[in-house]
């Protein structure tokens, strides 16, 4: 049963990466927006669980880096939002 869940997570992560790429490529989401970064982060976590379970270490390293970039970009969007809020007060 756990094997099925791990494979489903892997496919979900893959689908989320493809969705994010499609949305940005077709100007449905800005590449610097929170939604894009959240989709990438969730995709990296889902696929990261799969590749960790499968012991695909190079792919796991990629997912860790992918998630770190998404977290960094999300933090950047929140910091920009905070700066805009403090200037409008």
Protein backbone atom coordinates (compact mmCIF):
# COMPACT_ATOMS: atom_id res chain seq x y z
CA UNK A 1 0.00 0.00 0.00
CA UNK A 2 2.80 2.44 0.89
CA UNK A 3 4.37 1.73 -2.50
CA UNK A 4 1.18 2.86 -4.26
CA UNK A 5 1.02 6.07 -2.19
CA UNK A 6 4.68 6.83 -2.96
CA UNK A 7 4.06 6.36 -6.69
CA UNK A 8 0.94 8.53 -6.57
CA UNK A 9 2.97 11.28 -4.86
CA UNK A 10 5.60 11.00 -7.57
CA UNK A 11 3.03 11.38 -10.31
CA UNK A 12 1.38 14.27 -8.46
CA UNK A 13 4.72 16.05 -8.22
CA UNK A 14 5.36 15.50 -11.91
CA UNK A 15 1.88 16.77 -12.80
CA UNK A 16 2.38 19.87 -10.65
CA UNK A 17 5.70 20.68 -12.35
CA UNK A 18 4.08 20.31 -15.77
CA UNK A 19 1.11 22.42 -14.66
CA UNK A 20 3.37 25.19 -13.35
CA UNK A 21 5.42 25.19 -16.54
CA UNK A 22 2.27 25.28 -18.69
CA UNK A 23 0.72 28.14 -16.70
CA UNK A 24 3.85 30.30 -16.84
CA UNK A 25 4.54 29.48 -20.50
CA UNK A 26 1.02 30.53 -21.44
CA UNK A 27 1.04 33.70 -19.31
CA UNK A 28 -1.63 32.35 -16.96
CA UNK A 29 0.64 32.89 -13.93
CA UNK A 30 3.60 35.22 -13.44
CA UNK A 31 6.86 33.36 -12.80
CA UNK A 32 7.50 35.61 -9.81
CA UNK A 33 4.08 35.04 -8.25
CA UNK A 34 3.29 33.14 -5.09
CA UNK A 35 0.98 30.63 -6.78
CA UNK A 36 3.73 29.52 -9.15
CA UNK A 37 6.21 29.11 -6.31
CA UNK A 38 3.71 27.20 -4.16
CA UNK A 39 2.96 24.81 -7.04
CA UNK A 40 6.71 24.27 -7.49
CA UNK A 41 7.26 23.73 -3.77
CA UNK A 42 4.44 21.20 -3.42
CA UNK A 43 5.60 19.46 -6.60
CA UNK A 44 9.16 19.24 -5.28
CA UNK A 45 7.99 17.81 -1.96
CA UNK A 46 5.75 15.21 -3.62
CA UNK A 47 8.35 14.13 -6.13
CA UNK A 48 11.07 14.38 -3.48
CA UNK A 49 9.27 11.84 -1.30
CA UNK A 50 9.05 9.50 -4.27
CA UNK A 51 12.70 9.73 -5.28
CA UNK A 52 13.86 9.46 -1.67
CA UNK A 53 11.84 6.27 -1.27
CA UNK A 54 13.27 4.94 -4.53
CA UNK A 55 16.77 6.00 -3.41
CA UNK A 56 17.30 8.02 -6.58
CA UNK A 57 19.80 10.32 -4.88
CA UNK A 58 20.66 12.65 -7.79
CA UNK A 59 16.95 13.28 -8.35
CA UNK A 60 16.46 13.75 -4.60
CA UNK A 61 19.23 16.35 -4.61
CA UNK A 62 17.46 18.15 -7.44
CA UNK A 63 14.16 18.17 -5.54
CA UNK A 64 15.84 19.58 -2.41
CA UNK A 65 17.37 22.38 -4.50
CA UNK A 66 14.07 22.95 -6.34
CA UNK A 67 12.19 23.23 -3.03
CA UNK A 68 14.86 25.55 -1.58
CA UNK A 69 14.56 27.87 -4.57
CA UNK A 70 10.76 27.89 -4.25
CA UNK A 71 10.98 28.67 -0.52
CA UNK A 72 13.50 31.45 -1.16
CA UNK A 73 11.29 32.93 -3.90
CA UNK A 74 8.21 32.72 -1.66
CA UNK A 75 10.01 34.47 1.17
CA UNK A 76 11.05 37.16 -1.27
CA UNK A 77 7.41 37.75 -2.30
CA UNK A 78 6.34 38.01 1.35
CA UNK A 79 9.18 40.46 2.11
CA UNK A 80 8.18 42.61 -0.88
CA UNK A 81 4.56 42.56 0.31
CA UNK A 82 5.64 43.61 3.83
CA UNK A 83 7.70 46.50 2.43
CA UNK A 84 4.77 47.71 0.32
CA UNK A 85 2.45 47.52 3.34
CA UNK A 86 4.80 49.53 5.55
CA UNK A 87 5.17 52.26 2.90
CA UNK A 88 1.41 52.65 2.51
CA UNK A 89 0.87 53.12 6.28
